[in-house]
PDB file of N, CA and C in Angstrom:
ATOM      1  N   UNK A   1       7.175  44.102 -34.853  1.00  0.00           N
ATOM      2  CA  UNK A   1       7.371  44.053 -36.355  1.00  0.00           C
ATOM      3  C   UNK A   1       8.394  44.990 -36.550  1.00  0.00           C
ATOM      4  N   UNK A   2       9.180  45.086 -37.389  1.00  0.00           N
ATOM      5  CA  UNK A   2      10.330  45.642 -37.892  1.00  0.00           C
ATOM      6  C   UNK A   2       9.903  47.049 -38.502  1.00  0.00           C
ATOM      7  N   UNK A   3      10.242  48.284 -37.939  1.00  0.00           N
ATOM      8  CA  UNK A   3       9.836  49.404 -38.677  1.00  0.00           C
ATOM      9  C   UNK A   3      10.674  49.701 -40.283  1.00  0.00           C
ATOM     10  N   UNK A   4       9.901  50.097 -40.955  1.00  0.00           N
ATOM     11  CA  UNK A   4      10.626  50.539 -42.373  1.00  0.00           C
ATOM     12  C   UNK A   4      11.634  51.643 -42.352  1.00  0.00           C
ATOM     13  N   UNK A   5      12.206  51.870 -43.281  1.00  0.00           N
ATOM     14  CA  UNK A   5      13.105  52.745 -43.452  1.00  0.00           C
ATOM     15  C   UNK A   5      12.563  54.195 -43.530  1.00  0.00           C
ATOM     16  N   UNK A   6      11.507  54.119 -43.897  1.00  0.00           N
ATOM     17  CA  UNK A   6      10.728  55.579 -43.947  1.00  0.00           C
ATOM     18  C   UNK A   6      10.246  55.636 -42.325  1.00  0.00           C
ATOM     19  N   UNK A   7       9.671  54.928 -41.882  1.00  0.00           N
ATOM     20  CA  UNK A   7       9.334  55.165 -40.431  1.00  0.00           C
ATOM     21  C   UNK A   7      10.450  55.500 -39.482  1.00  0.00           C
ATOM     22  N   UNK A   8      11.666  54.960 -39.705  1.00  0.00           N
ATOM     23  CA  UNK A   8      12.754  55.104 -38.974  1.00  0.00           C
ATOM     24  C   UNK A   8      13.442  56.798 -39.295  1.00  0.00           C
ATOM     25  N   UNK A   9      13.176  57.159 -40.620  1.00  0.00           N
ATOM     26  CA  UNK A   9      13.639  58.272 -40.785  1.00  0.00           C
ATOM     27  C   UNK A   9      12.961  59.338 -40.419  1.00  0.00           C
ATOM     28  N   UNK A  10      11.412  59.239 -40.343  1.00  0.00           N
ATOM     29  CA  UNK A  10      10.616  59.913 -39.774  1.00  0.00           C
ATOM     30  C   UNK A  10      10.431  60.168 -38.341  1.00  0.00           C
ATOM     31  N   UNK A  11      11.078  58.897 -37.636  1.00  0.00           N
ATOM     32  CA  UNK A  11      11.071  59.101 -36.216  1.00  0.00           C
ATOM     33  C   UNK A  11      12.366  60.242 -35.826  1.00  0.00           C
ATOM     34  N   UNK A  12      13.318  59.845 -36.585  1.00  0.00           N
ATOM     35  CA  UNK A  12      14.679  60.592 -36.280  1.00  0.00           C
ATOM     36  C   UNK A  12      14.462  61.957 -36.608  1.00  0.00           C
ATOM     37  N   UNK A  13      13.705  62.310 -37.555  1.00  0.00           N
ATOM     38  CA  UNK A  13      13.402  63.695 -37.811  1.00  0.00           C
ATOM     39  C   UNK A  13      12.631  64.481 -36.763  1.00  0.00           C
ATOM     40  N   UNK A  14      11.711  63.611 -36.227  1.00  0.00           N
ATOM     41  CA  UNK A  14      10.850  64.037 -35.014  1.00  0.00           C
ATOM     42  C   UNK A  14      12.025  64.754 -33.875  1.00  0.00           C
ATOM     43  N   UNK A  15      13.129  64.028 -33.747  1.00  0.00           N
ATOM     44  CA  UNK A  15      13.867  64.158 -32.610  1.00  0.00           C
ATOM     45  C   UNK A  15      14.940  65.508 -33.123  1.00  0.00           C
ATOM     46  N   UNK A  16      15.178  65.403 -34.557  1.00  0.00           N
ATOM     47  CA  UNK A  16      16.271  66.283 -34.921  1.00  0.00           C
ATOM     48  C   UNK A  16      15.421  67.134 -36.374  1.00  0.00           C
ATOM     49  N   UNK A  17      14.295  68.190 -36.093  1.00  0.00           N
ATOM     50  CA  UNK A  17      13.747  68.318 -37.084  1.00  0.00           C
ATOM     51  C   UNK A  17      14.284  69.512 -38.034  1.00  0.00           C
ATOM     52  N   UNK A  18      15.556  69.917 -37.647  1.00  0.00           N
ATOM     53  CA  UNK A  18      16.186  70.838 -38.533  1.00  0.00           C
ATOM     54  C   UNK A  18      17.264  70.237 -39.255  1.00  0.00           C
ATOM     55  N   UNK A  19      17.569  68.865 -39.135  1.00  0.00           N
ATOM     56  CA  UNK A  19      18.623  67.858 -39.453  1.00  0.00           C
ATOM     57  C   UNK A  19      18.402  67.938 -41.173  1.00  0.00           C
ATOM     58  N   UNK A  20      19.298  68.731 -41.745  1.00  0.00           N
ATOM     59  CA  UNK A  20      19.455  68.655 -43.057  1.00  0.00           C
ATOM     60  C   UNK A  20      19.642  67.379 -43.914  1.00  0.00           C
ATOM     61  N   UNK A  21      20.472  66.486 -43.301  1.00  0.00           N
ATOM     62  CA  UNK A  21      20.716  65.177 -43.711  1.00  0.00           C
ATOM     63  C   UNK A  21      19.570  64.152 -43.667  1.00  0.00           C
ATOM     64  N   UNK A  22      18.672  64.465 -42.482  1.00  0.00           N
ATOM     65  CA  UNK A  22      17.663  63.507 -42.551  1.00  0.00           C
ATOM     66  C   UNK A  22      16.661  64.053 -43.553  1.00  0.00           C
ATOM     67  N   UNK A  23      16.509  65.238 -43.544  1.00  0.00           N
ATOM     68  CA  UNK A  23      15.376  65.796 -44.880  1.00  0.00           C
ATOM     69  C   UNK A  23      15.794  65.273 -46.102  1.00  0.00           C
ATOM     70  N   UNK A  24      17.134  65.333 -46.654  1.00  0.00           N
ATOM     71  CA  UNK A  24      17.701  64.648 -47.700  1.00  0.00           C
ATOM     72  C   UNK A  24      17.274  63.344 -47.539  1.00  0.00           C
ATOM     73  N   UNK A  25      17.568  62.474 -46.704  1.00  0.00           N
ATOM     74  CA  UNK A  25      17.241  61.184 -46.914  1.00  0.00           C
ATOM     75  C   UNK A  25      15.904  60.706 -46.960  1.00  0.00           C
ATOM     76  N   UNK A  26      15.127  61.598 -46.214  1.00  0.00           N
ATOM     77  CA  UNK A  26      13.565  61.514 -46.447  1.00  0.00           C
ATOM     78  C   UNK A  26      13.195  61.752 -47.900  1.00  0.00           C
ATOM     79  N   UNK A  27      13.451  62.775 -48.252  1.00  0.00           N
ATOM     80  CA  UNK A  27      13.255  63.073 -49.886  1.00  0.00           C
ATOM     81  C   UNK A  27      13.706  61.939 -50.685  1.00  0.00           C
ATOM     82  N   UNK A  28      14.887  61.342 -50.598  1.00  0.00           N
ATOM     83  CA  UNK A  28      15.430  60.436 -51.270  1.00  0.00           C
ATOM     84  C   UNK A  28      14.572  59.180 -51.183  1.00  0.00           C
ATOM     85  N   UNK A  29      14.048  58.881 -49.991  1.00  0.00           N
ATOM     86  CA  UNK A  29      13.513  57.704 -49.798  1.00  0.00           C
ATOM     87  C   UNK A  29      12.161  57.555 -50.371  1.00  0.00           C
ATOM     88  N   UNK A  30      11.408  58.982 -50.268  1.00  0.00           N
ATOM     89  CA  UNK A  30      10.288  59.264 -50.864  1.00  0.00           C
ATOM     90  C   UNK A  30      10.220  58.995 -52.441  1.00  0.00           C
ATOM     91  N   UNK A  31      11.124  59.279 -53.000  1.00  0.00           N
ATOM     92  CA  UNK A  31      11.525  59.439 -54.295  1.00  0.00           C
ATOM     93  C   UNK A  31      11.661  57.585 -54.874  1.00  0.00           C
ATOM     94  N   UNK A  32      12.392  57.130 -53.972  1.00  0.00           N
ATOM     95  CA  UNK A  32      12.453  55.573 -54.200  1.00  0.00           C
ATOM     96  C   UNK A  32      11.114  55.139 -54.149  1.00  0.00           C
ATOM     97  N   UNK A  33      10.358  55.385 -53.250  1.00  0.00           N
ATOM     98  CA  UNK A  33       8.777  54.957 -53.265  1.00  0.00           C
ATOM     99  C   UNK A  33       7.867  55.747 -54.225  1.00  0.00           C
ATOM    100  N   UNK A  34       8.357  56.379 -55.310  1.00  0.00           N
ATOM    101  CA  UNK A  34       7.519  56.926 -56.105  1.00  0.00           C
ATOM    102  C   UNK A  34       6.678  58.098 -55.592  1.00  0.00           C
ATOM    103  N   UNK A  35       6.963  58.532 -54.369  1.00  0.00           N
ATOM    104  CA  UNK A  35       5.828  59.709 -53.875  1.00  0.00           C
ATOM    105  C   UNK A  35       6.675  60.821 -54.266  1.00  0.00           C
ATOM    106  N   UNK A  36       6.502  60.975 -55.575  1.00  0.00           N
ATOM    107  CA  UNK A  36       7.077  62.422 -55.759  1.00  0.00           C
ATOM    108  C   UNK A  36       6.699  63.723 -55.146  1.00  0.00           C
ATOM    109  N   UNK A  37       5.411  63.495 -54.937  1.00  0.00           N
ATOM    110  CA  UNK A  37       5.156  65.040 -54.097  1.00  0.00           C
ATOM    111  C   UNK A  37       5.714  65.252 -52.875  1.00  0.00           C
ATOM    112  N   UNK A  38       5.971  64.147 -52.070  1.00  0.00           N
ATOM    113  CA  UNK A  38       6.690  64.143 -50.920  1.00  0.00           C
ATOM    114  C   UNK A  38       8.220  64.581 -50.970  1.00  0.00           C
ATOM    115  N   UNK A  39       8.641  63.877 -52.019  1.00  0.00           N
ATOM    116  CA  UNK A  39      10.258  63.954 -52.185  1.00  0.00           C
ATOM    117  C   UNK A  39      10.113  65.474 -52.515  1.00  0.00           C
ATOM    118  N   UNK A  40       9.245  65.989 -53.292  1.00  0.00           N
ATOM    119  CA  UNK A  40       9.595  67.452 -53.879  1.00  0.00           C
ATOM    120  C   UNK A  40       9.598  68.105 -52.599  1.00  0.00           C
ATOM    121  N   UNK A  41       8.673  68.164 -51.790  1.00  0.00           N
ATOM    122  CA  UNK A  41       8.234  68.790 -50.672  1.00  0.00           C
ATOM    123  C   UNK A  41       9.456  69.089 -49.356  1.00  0.00           C
ATOM    124  N   UNK A  42      10.305  67.750 -49.644  1.00  0.00           N
ATOM    125  CA  UNK A  42      11.337  67.851 -48.770  1.00  0.00           C
ATOM    126  C   UNK A  42      12.660  68.435 -49.332  1.00  0.00           C
ATOM    127  N   UNK A  43      12.747  68.144 -50.739  1.00  0.00           N
ATOM    128  CA  UNK A  43      13.980  68.761 -51.613  1.00  0.00           C
ATOM    129  C   UNK A  43      13.803  70.390 -51.504  1.00  0.00           C
ATOM    130  N   UNK A  44      12.492  70.865 -51.685  1.00  0.00           N
ATOM    131  CA  UNK A  44      12.258  72.195 -51.923  1.00  0.00           C
ATOM    132  C   UNK A  44      12.329  72.908 -50.350  1.00  0.00           C
ATOM    133  N   UNK A  45      12.060  72.126 -49.511  1.00  0.00           N
ATOM    134  CA  UNK A  45      12.262  72.397 -47.931  1.00  0.00           C
ATOM    135  C   UNK A  45      13.572  72.802 -47.909  1.00  0.00           C
ATOM    136  N   UNK A  46      14.588  71.761 -48.193  1.00  0.00           N
ATOM    137  CA  UNK A  46      16.120  71.856 -48.120  1.00  0.00           C
ATOM    138  C   UNK A  46      16.686  73.195 -48.755  1.00  0.00           C
ATOM    139  N   UNK A  47      16.528  73.285 -50.096  1.00  0.00           N
ATOM    140  CA  UNK A  47      16.910  74.450 -50.776  1.00  0.00           C
ATOM    141  C   UNK A  47      16.681  75.782 -50.085  1.00  0.00           C
ATOM    142  N   UNK A  48      15.378  75.758 -49.467  1.00  0.00           N
ATOM    143  CA  UNK A  48      14.883  76.998 -48.914  1.00  0.00           C
ATOM    144  C   UNK A  48      15.540  77.297 -47.430  1.00  0.00           C
ATOM    145  N   UNK A  49      15.488  75.958 -46.724  1.00  0.00           N
ATOM    146  CA  UNK A  49      16.119  76.267 -45.480  1.00  0.00           C
ATOM    147  C   UNK A  49      17.280  76.072 -45.007  1.00  0.00           C
ATOM    148  N   UNK A  50      18.053  75.260 -45.733  1.00  0.00           N
ATOM    149  CA  UNK A  50      19.397  74.718 -45.869  1.00  0.00           C
ATOM    150  C   UNK A  50      20.112  74.975 -47.150  1.00  0.00           C
ATOM    151  N   UNK A  51      20.168  76.074 -47.633  1.00  0.00           N
ATOM    152  CA  UNK A  51      20.644  76.256 -49.009  1.00  0.00           C
ATOM    153  C   UNK A  51      22.072  76.164 -49.214  1.00  0.00           C
ATOM    154  N   UNK A  52      22.727  75.912 -48.069  1.00  0.00           N
ATOM    155  CA  UNK A  52      24.353  75.445 -48.383  1.00  0.00           C
ATOM    156  C   UNK A  52      24.259  74.022 -48.631  1.00  0.00           C
ATOM    157  N   UNK A  53      23.266  72.998 -48.467  1.00  0.00           N
ATOM    158  CA  UNK A  53      23.428  71.700 -48.496  1.00  0.00           C
ATOM    159  C   UNK A  53      23.370  71.411 -50.001  1.00  0.00           C
ATOM    160  N   UNK A  54      24.698  71.434 -50.633  1.00  0.00           N
ATOM    161  CA  UNK A  54      24.782  71.365 -51.954  1.00  0.00           C
ATOM    162  C   UNK A  54      24.407  70.209 -52.619  1.00  0.00           C
ATOM    163  N   UNK A  55      24.063  68.922 -51.901  1.00  0.00           N
ATOM    164  CA  UNK A  55      23.856  67.838 -52.545  1.00  0.00           C
ATOM    165  C   UNK A  55      22.498  67.744 -52.982  1.00  0.00           C
ATOM    166  N   UNK A  56      21.444  68.766 -52.547  1.00  0.00           N
ATOM    167  CA  UNK A  56      20.162  68.880 -52.972  1.00  0.00           C
ATOM    168  C   UNK A  56      19.812  69.181 -54.087  1.00  0.00           C
ATOM    169  N   UNK A  57      20.662  70.242 -54.654  1.00  0.00           N
ATOM    170  CA  UNK A  57      20.306  70.840 -56.167  1.00  0.00           C
ATOM    171  C   UNK A  57      20.230  69.850 -57.280  1.00  0.00           C
ATOM    172  N   UNK A  58      21.422  68.900 -57.157  1.00  0.00           N
ATOM    173  CA  UNK A  58      21.265  68.041 -58.314  1.00  0.00           C
ATOM    174  C   UNK A  58      19.992  67.243 -58.073  1.00  0.00           C
ATOM    175  N   UNK A  59      19.534  66.662 -57.204  1.00  0.00           N
ATOM    176  CA  UNK A  59      18.489  65.651 -57.188  1.00  0.00           C
ATOM    177  C   UNK A  59      17.168  66.667 -57.303  1.00  0.00           C
ATOM    178  N   UNK A  60      16.965  67.652 -57.119  1.00  0.00           N
ATOM    179  CA  UNK A  60      15.761  68.638 -57.058  1.00  0.00           C
ATOM    180  C   UNK A  60      15.680  68.764 -58.413  1.00  0.00           C
ATOM    181  N   UNK A  61      16.784  69.181 -59.172  1.00  0.00           N
ATOM    182  CA  UNK A  61      16.952  69.544 -60.617  1.00  0.00           C
ATOM    183  C   UNK A  61      16.462  68.406 -61.619  1.00  0.00           C
ATOM    184  N   UNK A  62      16.764  67.104 -61.175  1.00  0.00           N
ATOM    185  CA  UNK A  62      16.536  66.010 -61.902  1.00  0.00           C
ATOM    186  C   UNK A  62      15.073  65.688 -61.792  1.00  0.00           C
ATOM    187  N   UNK A  63      14.427  66.104 -60.424  1.00  0.00           N
ATOM    188  CA  UNK A  63      13.206  65.851 -60.008  1.00  0.00           C
ATOM    189  C   UNK A  63      12.324  66.679 -60.976  1.00  0.00           C
ATOM    190  N   UNK A  64      12.755  68.194 -60.944  1.00  0.00           N
ATOM    191  CA  UNK A  64      11.934  69.042 -61.831  1.00  0.00           C
ATOM    192  C   UNK A  64      11.916  68.611 -63.270  1.00  0.00           C
ATOM    193  N   UNK A  65      13.128  68.171 -63.918  1.00  0.00           N
ATOM    194  CA  UNK A  65      12.926  67.597 -65.116  1.00  0.00           C
ATOM    195  C   UNK A  65      12.220  66.324 -65.224  1.00  0.00           C
ATOM    196  N   UNK A  66      12.124  65.618 -64.466  1.00  0.00           N
ATOM    197  CA  UNK A  66      11.176  64.299 -64.580  1.00  0.00           C
ATOM    198  C   UNK A  66       9.563  64.995 -64.568  1.00  0.00           C
ATOM    199  N   UNK A  67       9.383  65.932 -63.866  1.00  0.00           N
ATOM    200  CA  UNK A  67       7.954  66.260 -63.923  1.00  0.00           C
ATOM    201  C   UNK A  67       8.058  67.481 -64.935  1.00  0.00           C
ATOM    202  N   UNK A  68       8.715  67.584 -65.876  1.00  0.00           N
ATOM    203  CA  UNK A  68       8.439  68.510 -66.762  1.00  0.00           C
ATOM    204  C   UNK A  68       8.436  69.868 -66.713  1.00  0.00           C
ATOM    205  N   UNK A  69       9.350  70.012 -65.634  1.00  0.00           N
ATOM    206  CA  UNK A  69       9.560  71.651 -65.137  1.00  0.00           C
ATOM    207  C   UNK A  69      10.942  71.853 -65.422  1.00  0.00           C
ATOM    208  N   UNK A  70      11.268  72.115 -66.396  1.00  0.00           N
ATOM    209  CA  UNK A  70      12.805  72.451 -66.947  1.00  0.00           C
ATOM    210  C   UNK A  70      13.116  73.951 -66.464  1.00  0.00           C
ATOM    211  N   UNK A  71      12.323  74.716 -66.699  1.00  0.00           N
ATOM    212  CA  UNK A  71      12.817  76.174 -66.263  1.00  0.00           C
ATOM    213  C   UNK A  71      13.420  76.035 -64.742  1.00  0.00           C
ATOM    214  N   UNK A  72      12.525  75.470 -64.097  1.00  0.00           N
ATOM    215  CA  UNK A  72      12.862  75.207 -62.547  1.00  0.00           C
ATOM    216  C   UNK A  72      14.144  74.574 -62.431  1.00  0.00           C
ATOM    217  N   UNK A  73      14.144  73.447 -63.204  1.00  0.00           N
ATOM    218  CA  UNK A  73      15.509  72.566 -63.103  1.00  0.00           C
ATOM    219  C   UNK A  73      16.615  73.488 -63.497  1.00  0.00           C
ATOM    220  N   UNK A  74      16.627  74.259 -64.526  1.00  0.00           N
ATOM    221  CA  UNK A  74      17.683  74.935 -64.705  1.00  0.00           C
ATOM    222  C   UNK A  74      18.086  75.943 -63.841  1.00  0.00           C
ATOM    223  N   UNK A  75      17.136  76.609 -63.107  1.00  0.00           N
ATOM    224  CA  UNK A  75      17.254  77.547 -62.261  1.00  0.00           C
ATOM    225  C   UNK A  75      18.058  76.857 -60.861  1.00  0.00           C
ATOM    226  N   UNK A  76      17.443  75.751 -60.543  1.00  0.00           N
ATOM    227  CA  UNK A  76      18.088  75.115 -59.489  1.00  0.00           C
ATOM    228  C   UNK A  76      19.409  74.777 -59.682  1.00  0.00           C
ATOM    229  N   UNK A  77      19.904  74.124 -60.950  1.00  0.00           N
ATOM    230  CA  UNK A  77      21.223  73.600 -61.349  1.00  0.00           C
ATOM    231  C   UNK A  77      22.208  75.052 -61.184  1.00  0.00           C
ATOM    232  N   UNK A  78      21.609  76.148 -61.585  1.00  0.00           N
ATOM    233  CA  UNK A  78      22.420  77.383 -61.546  1.00  0.00           C
ATOM    234  C   UNK A  78      22.644  77.665 -59.943  1.00  0.00           C
ATOM    235  N   UNK A  79      21.723  77.703 -59.165  1.00  0.00           N
ATOM    236  CA  UNK A  79      21.765  77.925 -57.852  1.00  0.00           C
ATOM    237  C   UNK A  79      22.764  76.881 -57.274  1.00  0.00           C
ATOM    238  N   UNK A  80      22.495  75.619 -57.639  1.00  0.00           N
ATOM    239  CA  UNK A  80      23.383  74.760 -57.027  1.00  0.00           C
ATOM    240  C   UNK A  80      25.138  75.058 -57.427  1.00  0.00           C
ATOM    241  N   UNK A  81      25.058  75.428 -58.538  1.00  0.00           N
ATOM    242  CA  UNK A  81      26.986  75.596 -58.904  1.00  0.00           C
ATOM    243  C   UNK A  81      27.235  77.045 -58.376  1.00  0.00           C
ATOM    244  N   UNK A  82      26.332  77.826 -58.051  1.00  0.00           N
ATOM    245  CA  UNK A  82      26.644  78.808 -57.337  1.00  0.00           C
ATOM    246  C   UNK A  82      27.205  78.648 -55.800  1.00  0.00           C
ATOM    247  N   UNK A  83      26.363  77.738 -55.314  1.00  0.00           N
ATOM    248  CA  UNK A  83      26.539  77.207 -53.890  1.00  0.00           C
ATOM    249  C   UNK A  83      27.859  76.358 -54.000  1.00  0.00           C
ATOM    250  N   UNK A  84      28.118  75.442 -54.949  1.00  0.00           N
ATOM    251  CA  UNK A  84      28.918  74.474 -54.888  1.00  0.00           C
ATOM    252  C   UNK A  84      30.477  75.392 -55.147  1.00  0.00           C
ATOM    253  N   UNK A  85      30.443  76.650 -55.827  1.00  0.00           N
ATOM    254  CA  UNK A  85      31.500  77.431 -56.092  1.00  0.00           C
ATOM    255  C   UNK A  85      32.022  78.080 -54.887  1.00  0.00           C
ATOM    256  N   UNK A  86      30.986  78.614 -54.145  1.00  0.00           N
ATOM    257  CA  UNK A  86      31.243  79.240 -52.683  1.00  0.00           C
ATOM    258  C   UNK A  86      32.074  78.241 -51.537  1.00  0.00           C
ATOM    259  N   UNK A  87      31.503  77.146 -51.836  1.00  0.00           N
ATOM    260  CA  UNK A  87      32.102  75.983 -50.920  1.00  0.00           C
ATOM    261  C   UNK A  87      33.327  75.528 -51.527  1.00  0.00           C
ATOM    262  N   UNK A  88      33.613  75.730 -52.754  1.00  0.00           N
ATOM    263  CA  UNK A  88      34.873  75.002 -53.370  1.00  0.00           C
ATOM    264  C   UNK A  88      34.774  73.555 -53.679  1.00  0.00           C
ATOM    265  N   UNK A  89      33.367  73.201 -53.722  1.00  0.00           N
ATOM    266  CA  UNK A  89      33.084  71.809 -53.854  1.00  0.00           C
ATOM    267  C   UNK A  89      33.186  71.323 -55.121  1.00  0.00           C
ATOM    268  N   UNK A  90      34.363  71.425 -55.732  1.00  0.00           N
ATOM    269  CA  UNK A  90      34.509  70.986 -57.403  1.00  0.00           C
ATOM    270  C   UNK A  90      33.559  69.670 -57.995  1.00  0.00           C
ATOM    271  N   UNK A  91      33.784  68.737 -56.936  1.00  0.00           N
ATOM    272  CA  UNK A  91      32.802  67.385 -57.493  1.00  0.00           C
ATOM    273  C   UNK A  91      31.473  67.968 -57.719  1.00  0.00           C
ATOM    274  N   UNK A  92      30.812  68.679 -56.918  1.00  0.00           N
ATOM    275  CA  UNK A  92      29.312  68.884 -56.885  1.00  0.00           C
ATOM    276  C   UNK A  92      29.479  69.806 -58.191  1.00  0.00           C
ATOM    277  N   UNK A  93      30.053  70.841 -58.133  1.00  0.00           N
ATOM    278  CA  UNK A  93      30.173  71.693 -59.401  1.00  0.00           C
ATOM    279  C   UNK A  93      29.926  71.130 -60.812  1.00  0.00           C
ATOM    280  N   UNK A  94      31.149  69.994 -60.824  1.00  0.00           N
ATOM    281  CA  UNK A  94      31.107  69.448 -62.132  1.00  0.00           C
ATOM    282  C   UNK A  94      30.010  68.589 -62.480  1.00  0.00           C
ATOM    283  N   UNK A  95      29.201  68.140 -61.340  1.00  0.00           N
ATOM    284  CA  UNK A  95      28.056  67.088 -61.672  1.00  0.00           C
ATOM    285  C   UNK A  95      26.994  68.171 -62.152  1.00  0.00           C
ATOM    286  N   UNK A  96      26.737  69.250 -61.421  1.00  0.00           N
ATOM    287  CA  UNK A  96      25.804  70.096 -61.780  1.00  0.00           C
ATOM    288  C   UNK A  96      26.018  70.950 -63.095  1.00  0.00           C
ATOM    289  N   UNK A  97      27.261  71.256 -63.400  1.00  0.00           N
ATOM    290  CA  UNK A  97      27.537  71.776 -64.462  1.00  0.00           C
ATOM    291  C   UNK A  97      27.171  70.955 -65.891  1.00  0.00           C
ATOM    292  N   UNK A  98      27.156  69.702 -65.519  1.00  0.00           N
ATOM    293  CA  UNK A  98      27.010  68.555 -66.658  1.00  0.00           C
ATOM    294  C   UNK A  98      25.736  68.690 -66.902  1.00  0.00           C
ATOM    295  N   UNK A  99      24.907  68.572 -65.664  1.00  0.00           N
ATOM    296  CA  UNK A  99      23.249  68.251 -66.005  1.00  0.00           C
ATOM    297  C   UNK A  99      22.756  69.666 -66.505  1.00  0.00           C
ATOM    298  N   UNK A 100      23.421  70.989 -66.022  1.00  0.00           N
ATOM    299  CA  UNK A 100      22.961  72.064 -66.515  1.00  0.00           C
ATOM    300  C   UNK A 100      23.165  72.215 -67.929  1.00  0.00           C
ATOM    301  N   UNK A 101      24.328  71.666 -68.440  1.00  0.00           N
ATOM    302  CA  UNK A 101      24.641  71.958 -69.837  1.00  0.00           C
ATOM    303  C   UNK A 101      23.861  71.220 -70.627  1.00  0.00           C
ATOM    304  N   UNK A 102      23.536  70.055 -70.160  1.00  0.00           N
ATOM    305  CA  UNK A 102      22.519  68.943 -70.843  1.00  0.00           C
ATOM    306  C   UNK A 102      21.160  69.607 -71.039  1.00  0.00           C
ATOM    307  N   UNK A 103      20.694  70.156 -70.001  1.00  0.00           N
ATOM    308  CA  UNK A 103      19.366  70.758 -69.860  1.00  0.00           C
ATOM    309  C   UNK A 103      19.139  71.863 -70.798  1.00  0.00           C
ATOM    310  N   UNK A 104      20.094  72.740 -70.735  1.00  0.00           N
ATOM    311  CA  UNK A 104      20.411  73.989 -71.566  1.00  0.00           C
ATOM    312  C   UNK A 104      20.508  73.795 -73.092  1.00  0.00           C
ATOM    313  N   UNK A 105      21.140  72.727 -73.356  1.00  0.00           N
ATOM    314  CA  UNK A 105      21.769  72.599 -74.825  1.00  0.00           C
ATOM    315  C   UNK A 105      23.039  73.779 -74.844  1.00  0.00           C
ATOM    316  N   UNK A 106      23.753  73.620 -73.861  1.00  0.00           N
ATOM    317  CA  UNK A 106      24.996  74.600 -73.583  1.00  0.00           C
ATOM    318  C   UNK A 106      25.799  74.366 -74.615  1.00  0.00           C
ATOM    319  N   UNK A 107      26.272  75.553 -75.467  1.00  0.00           N
ATOM    320  CA  UNK A 107      27.458  75.711 -76.100  1.00  0.00           C
ATOM    321  C   UNK A 107      28.480  76.566 -75.598  1.00  0.00           C
ATOM    322  N   UNK A 108      29.696  76.563 -76.180  1.00  0.00           N
ATOM    323  CA  UNK A 108      30.877  77.020 -75.786  1.00  0.00           C
ATOM    324  C   UNK A 108      30.661  78.535 -75.168  1.00  0.00           C
ATOM    325  N   UNK A 109      29.874  79.171 -75.818  1.00  0.00           N
ATOM    326  CA  UNK A 109      30.073  80.530 -75.455  1.00  0.00           C
ATOM    327  C   UNK A 109      29.143  80.715 -74.122  1.00  0.00           C
ATOM    328  N   UNK A 110      28.630  79.824 -73.613  1.00  0.00           N
ATOM    329  CA  UNK A 110      27.928  80.279 -72.244  1.00  0.00           C
ATOM    330  C   UNK A 110      28.788  80.365 -71.127  1.00  0.00           C
ATOM    331  N   UNK A 111      28.517  81.143 -70.035  1.00  0.00           N
ATOM    332  CA  UNK A 111      29.290  81.305 -69.043  1.00  0.00           C
ATOM    333  C   UNK A 111      29.488  80.014 -68.069  1.00  0.00           C
ATOM    334  N   UNK A 112      28.361  79.021 -68.094  1.00  0.00           N
ATOM    335  CA  UNK A 112      28.739  77.936 -67.175  1.00  0.00           C
ATOM    336  C   UNK A 112      29.278  76.845 -67.974  1.00  0.00           C
TER     337      UNK A 112
END
């Protein structure tokens, strides 16, 4: 029997338990499977254990929004923008800035 994508990712993670990409892939796979609690667990683990993994912030923020946790989403977007700035990742910054502005009802007088 062929293993599912989730099973393969979990197996890979056993061999590389601190691999940020694998955790990100697992979070995304759990989200795809509508297992939001597990997705949230992995995304939160990433921002806490691998805060420089900038791709996480967008997806975690969007998940918070879907869970009606807007203040958490906004805070996540802010942290993500700070991280993207430090890394000079203009693409990630731009994406985070767009969702931040949408979530906050941004106007031109705001800093971000």
